Structure formats: C-alpha cells, structure tokens
Amino acid sequence: MKPVSAEIMSEIDRRAQEEFGIEQAFLMENAGRAVAEAVITDIESLENERIAVFCGKGNNGGDGFVAARHLANHGVGDLVVYTIYQGSIRAGSAEDNLILAKNMGIKIKPIENFTSRADKEANFTIAIDSVFGTGFRGELPEEYRTVFSRINSSNSRLYAVDIPSGLDATTGYAAPGCIEAHKTITFGLPKIGFFCGDGPEVSGEISIKDIGFPAALIQSYQ
C-alpha cells in the first residue's frame, strides 16, 4: 500500500462520511475493535494481564474507549482507562464511547494520576496509546511528556492506536517525549511518517487494519 499524508487520510475519512454515508461511530467502533483484537491475538491469555489505556479528547481517544470495552469483555485481569478531564471529551462518538465504558464499570482515572505514587506501583503489562492521532503536529505539552516518559520507561508492551502520540504523520518528526510503540495499529492506509524521519524508531511493527473505508475510495489514493 502507498503511504499517505495526514491531510490525505483526513480527506479519506471526510469523504467516507460525506459521500458514502459511513458514520463516524461505525468507523470508531471498528477501529477500537481492531485494536482490541490485535492485543488479544498477540497475548495468549489476558487473565493475568494488567492493561492501561490512555485516551485523548478526540476521535483517537474514542478509539481507545472502544478498545477498552472489547478488552473488558475478554477477561482482562485488570483494566484502567486514563483520560484527560472528562468534560473536555469531544461531543459525539468519542463522548458516547466514554459513557459506554463508564456504564460497563471500567475504571476511569485522570491521566495525571498515572504518575502518582499509587499508580506507579501498578506495573501494567500492556499499555495502549490513543491520546493524539494523525492530526498532531508540533511539540507535546509538558504534562503529556511526563506521562509518556513514564510509559516509555515501563516494561509494558506498548500499542499505539493509528499513530504513536507525538509523531507527525506526514514528516516523521517525533516530538520529544513521543510514544515509542512496539506495535502501531493503523487504519485504512499506512502513513508517510512511519517510514521517514523518526518514524521507524517510534512506530514499531506496523499493522494496517480495514475499518470499513470503501475499497473504491482507498484505491483512488493508490
């Protein structure tokens, strides 16, 4: 598959919704399920695993809420979702999936709690990064650099949702503190940034998942 820029991937997402009538909720559900299935496939049994899912306020965070729901249904030993102030979660599909996760009884904590003494002792075995998506550019806010630094220095197996948070999907520039994934589960098409600049160092194994973009639409960009 030919890699695309962040702008092209955004255009594909927009056209899928506007021209083909595919709802954002449908794409988000498929994306989150794909992430959960990738983890389930990699790990023989989840009952002894401790999973932390880090969610941002936008659609990438929404993918993480969906992934958490599906993982919770597969008997994870311990599962915690860390997110920013819940009142700032984007209205629509992302907020809807946060509510669904809460209704399922999944533990939701402020992301800053991850650096607290209690959570430093959690020793998570798997971490899922769904904070910033392909629209990220520039530098990471200091509060995220602190959290990401702790994630990167942990012994957790680290999955990135669509793209490692802090990586520019077009240029491959990884902002200081960028997530260093073992595996990136990306959607639709690979991103140029995976293969240039700092991308190869922080993206890990690239797994491309079909989440329901029309084949004719995807092929028009190849």
Protein backbone atom coordinates (compact mmCIF):
# COMPACT_ATOMS: atom_id res chain seq x y z
CA MET A 1 0.00 0.00 0.00
CA LYS A 2 1.19 3.50 -0.81
CA PRO A 3 1.62 5.62 2.35
CA VAL A 4 -0.37 8.84 2.63
CA SER A 5 -0.04 12.13 4.46
CA ALA A 6 -2.15 13.20 7.41
CA GLU A 7 -4.07 15.54 5.11
CA ILE A 8 -4.94 12.78 2.66
CA MET A 9 -6.05 10.43 5.43
CA SER A 10 -8.27 13.18 6.84
CA GLU A 11 -9.74 13.68 3.37
CA ILE A 12 -10.46 9.95 3.06
CA ASP A 13 -12.20 9.98 6.43
CA ARG A 14 -14.27 13.02 5.45
CA ARG A 15 -15.25 11.61 2.06
CA ALA A 16 -16.22 8.26 3.57
CA GLN A 17 -18.73 10.07 5.74
CA GLU A 18 -19.96 12.75 3.34
CA GLU A 19 -20.01 10.84 0.04
CA PHE A 20 -20.62 7.27 1.17
CA GLY A 21 -22.73 7.91 4.25
CA ILE A 22 -20.47 5.97 6.60
CA GLU A 23 -20.96 7.26 10.13
CA GLN A 24 -18.06 8.21 12.38
CA ALA A 25 -19.46 5.93 15.08
CA PHE A 26 -19.17 2.95 12.70
CA LEU A 27 -15.53 3.70 11.87
CA MET A 28 -14.69 4.27 15.55
CA GLU A 29 -16.29 1.02 16.65
CA ASN A 30 -14.36 -0.91 14.01
CA ALA A 31 -11.10 0.84 14.88
CA GLY A 32 -11.38 0.16 18.59
CA ARG A 33 -12.37 -3.44 17.99
CA ALA A 34 -9.37 -3.89 15.67
CA VAL A 35 -7.04 -2.64 18.41
CA ALA A 36 -8.55 -5.00 20.99
CA GLU A 37 -8.35 -7.93 18.57
CA ALA A 38 -4.69 -7.19 17.86
CA VAL A 39 -3.90 -7.34 21.58
CA ILE A 40 -5.97 -10.50 22.04
CA THR A 41 -4.19 -12.16 19.10
CA ASP A 42 -0.73 -11.26 20.44
CA ILE A 43 -1.36 -12.33 24.02
CA GLU A 44 -2.20 -15.96 24.74
CA SER A 45 -4.39 -15.16 27.76
CA LEU A 46 -5.49 -11.83 29.21
CA GLU A 47 -6.49 -13.04 32.65
CA ASN A 48 -3.06 -12.29 34.13
CA GLU A 49 -2.54 -9.06 32.19
CA ARG A 50 -2.84 -5.54 33.57
CA ILE A 51 -3.80 -3.10 30.83
CA ALA A 52 -3.69 0.71 30.88
CA VAL A 53 -5.45 2.58 28.06
CA PHE A 54 -4.54 6.26 27.60
CA CYS A 55 -7.23 8.30 25.84
CA GLY A 56 -7.22 11.83 24.46
CA LYS A 57 -10.22 14.05 23.92
CA GLY A 58 -10.85 13.44 20.21
CA ASN A 59 -11.64 10.54 17.91
CA ASN A 60 -8.34 8.81 18.65
CA GLY A 61 -9.34 8.76 22.30
CA GLY A 62 -12.74 7.44 21.27
CA ASP A 63 -11.00 4.50 19.58
CA GLY A 64 -9.31 3.81 22.89
CA PHE A 65 -12.60 3.80 24.82
CA VAL A 66 -13.97 1.26 22.32
CA ALA A 67 -10.84 -0.90 22.63
CA ALA A 68 -11.19 -0.85 26.42
CA ARG A 69 -14.79 -2.06 26.18
CA HIS A 70 -13.86 -5.00 23.98
CA LEU A 71 -10.86 -5.92 26.13
CA ALA A 72 -13.02 -5.81 29.26
CA ASN A 73 -15.27 -8.42 27.66
CA HIS A 74 -12.30 -10.78 27.25
CA GLY A 75 -11.49 -11.27 30.92
CA VAL A 76 -8.56 -8.89 31.44
CA GLY A 77 -7.04 -9.30 34.90
CA ASP A 78 -7.05 -5.53 35.47
CA LEU A 79 -8.03 -2.68 33.14
CA VAL A 80 -7.79 1.06 33.73
CA VAL A 81 -8.54 3.89 31.32
CA TYR A 82 -6.61 7.11 31.87
CA THR A 83 -8.03 10.21 30.23
CA ILE A 84 -7.97 13.98 30.37
CA TYR A 85 -10.71 15.97 32.10
CA GLN A 86 -13.85 14.12 31.10
CA GLY A 87 -15.79 17.31 30.46
CA SER A 88 -13.45 18.13 27.58
CA ILE A 89 -14.03 14.88 25.65
CA ARG A 90 -15.32 15.73 22.18
CA ALA A 91 -19.10 15.55 21.90
CA GLY A 92 -20.37 12.80 19.63
CA SER A 93 -18.84 9.37 19.16
CA ALA A 94 -15.87 9.90 21.50
CA GLU A 95 -18.05 11.08 24.39
CA ASP A 96 -20.61 8.36 23.68
CA ASN A 97 -17.96 5.67 24.00
CA LEU A 98 -16.61 7.17 27.21
CA ILE A 99 -20.13 6.91 28.64
CA LEU A 100 -20.45 3.31 27.45
CA ALA A 101 -17.14 2.41 29.09
CA LYS A 102 -18.25 4.00 32.36
CA ASN A 103 -21.59 2.20 32.20
CA MET A 104 -19.70 -1.09 31.89
CA GLY A 105 -17.92 -0.36 35.15
CA ILE A 106 -14.50 0.18 33.58
CA LYS A 107 -12.21 2.17 35.86
CA ILE A 108 -11.69 5.70 34.50
CA LYS A 109 -8.95 7.87 36.04
CA PRO A 110 -7.46 11.28 35.24
CA ILE A 111 -4.34 10.83 33.12
CA GLU A 112 -2.22 12.75 35.63
CA ASN A 113 -2.92 10.01 38.18
CA PHE A 114 -0.63 7.72 36.22
CA THR A 115 2.36 9.45 37.74
CA SER A 116 1.01 9.27 41.29
CA ARG A 117 2.66 7.02 43.85
CA ALA A 118 -0.20 4.52 43.90
CA ASP A 119 -0.32 4.05 40.16
CA LYS A 120 3.47 3.89 39.86
CA GLU A 121 3.15 0.59 41.68
CA ALA A 122 0.56 -0.75 39.23
CA ASN A 123 3.12 -2.47 36.98
CA PHE A 124 0.92 -2.62 33.90
CA THR A 125 1.95 -5.29 31.41
CA ILE A 126 0.24 -3.68 28.40
CA ALA A 127 -0.28 -0.01 27.58
CA ILE A 128 -2.43 1.34 24.76
CA ASP A 129 -1.77 4.87 23.49
CA SER A 130 -4.80 6.61 22.00
CA VAL A 131 -4.08 10.20 23.04
CA PHE A 132 -3.12 12.05 19.83
CA GLY A 133 -4.00 10.95 16.31
CA THR A 134 -2.75 11.76 12.82
CA GLY A 135 -3.68 15.42 13.21
CA PHE A 136 -0.90 16.01 15.75
CA ARG A 137 1.85 18.48 14.85
CA GLY A 138 4.46 20.39 16.79
CA GLU A 139 5.50 19.73 20.36
CA LEU A 140 3.88 17.82 23.19
CA PRO A 141 2.51 19.73 26.18
CA GLU A 142 4.75 19.24 29.23
CA GLU A 143 2.11 17.30 31.17
CA TYR A 144 1.93 14.70 28.41
CA ARG A 145 5.70 14.47 28.11
CA THR A 146 5.82 13.49 31.79
CA VAL A 147 3.18 10.78 31.37
CA PHE A 148 4.64 9.48 28.09
CA SER A 149 8.12 9.34 29.60
CA ARG A 150 6.86 7.04 32.32
CA ILE A 151 5.03 4.88 29.80
CA ASN A 152 8.12 4.60 27.59
CA SER A 153 10.33 3.64 30.53
CA SER A 154 7.95 0.96 31.79
CA ASN A 155 8.21 -2.73 30.96
CA SER A 156 4.78 -2.68 29.33
CA ARG A 157 4.17 -3.91 25.80
CA LEU A 158 3.09 -0.68 24.13
CA TYR A 159 0.48 -0.40 21.38
CA ALA A 160 -0.22 2.86 19.51
CA VAL A 161 -3.67 3.50 18.06
CA ASP A 162 -3.33 4.72 14.44
CA ILE A 163 -0.05 6.54 15.20
CA PRO A 164 2.25 6.99 18.20
CA SER A 165 1.24 10.14 20.10
CA GLY A 166 3.76 12.86 19.32
CA LEU A 167 4.68 11.64 15.82
CA ASP A 168 3.90 13.83 12.81
CA ALA A 169 2.10 11.53 10.37
CA THR A 170 3.43 13.42 7.35
CA THR A 171 7.01 14.43 8.18
CA GLY A 172 8.02 11.67 10.59
CA TYR A 173 9.14 14.20 13.21
CA ALA A 174 8.78 12.77 16.71
CA ALA A 175 8.39 15.47 19.32
CA PRO A 176 10.49 14.98 22.48
CA GLY A 177 8.61 12.54 24.71
CA CYS A 178 6.86 10.85 21.77
CA ILE A 179 5.40 7.43 22.50
CA GLU A 180 7.77 4.63 21.47
CA ALA A 181 5.45 1.83 20.41
CA HIS A 182 6.19 -1.85 20.00
CA LYS A 183 3.29 -2.05 17.54
CA THR A 184 1.23 0.60 15.76
CA ILE A 185 -2.25 -0.44 14.67
CA THR A 186 -3.18 1.95 11.89
CA PHE A 187 -6.34 2.27 9.83
CA GLY A 188 -7.08 2.39 6.13
CA LEU A 189 -3.63 3.17 4.77
CA PRO A 190 -0.11 3.49 6.21
CA LYS A 191 1.09 6.99 7.00
CA ILE A 192 4.20 8.55 5.40
CA GLY A 193 5.57 9.46 8.82
CA PHE A 194 6.03 5.80 9.76
CA PHE A 195 8.82 5.46 7.23
CA CYS A 196 10.77 8.72 7.37
CA GLY A 197 12.47 10.88 9.97
CA ASP A 198 12.00 9.47 13.46
CA GLY A 199 9.04 7.32 12.42
CA PRO A 200 10.83 3.97 12.12
CA GLU A 201 12.28 4.37 15.62
CA VAL A 202 8.97 5.03 17.40
CA SER A 203 6.36 3.17 15.37
CA GLY A 204 7.49 -0.41 15.93
CA GLU A 205 5.69 -3.08 13.91
CA ILE A 206 3.04 -1.59 11.61
CA SER A 207 -0.30 -3.39 11.39
CA ILE A 208 -2.80 -1.97 8.86
CA LYS A 209 -6.46 -2.67 9.60
CA ASP A 210 -9.56 -2.32 7.44
CA ILE A 211 -12.21 -0.47 9.47
CA GLY A 212 -14.80 -0.04 6.73
CA PHE A 213 -13.50 2.61 4.35
CA PRO A 214 -14.91 1.81 0.88
CA ALA A 215 -12.39 -0.09 -1.24
CA ALA A 216 -13.02 2.21 -4.20
CA LEU A 217 -12.21 5.24 -2.06
CA ILE A 218 -8.99 3.74 -0.70
CA GLN A 219 -7.90 2.60 -4.17
CA SER A 220 -8.39 6.08 -5.59
CA TYR A 221 -5.45 7.25 -3.48
CA GLN A 222 -3.11 4.42 -4.53
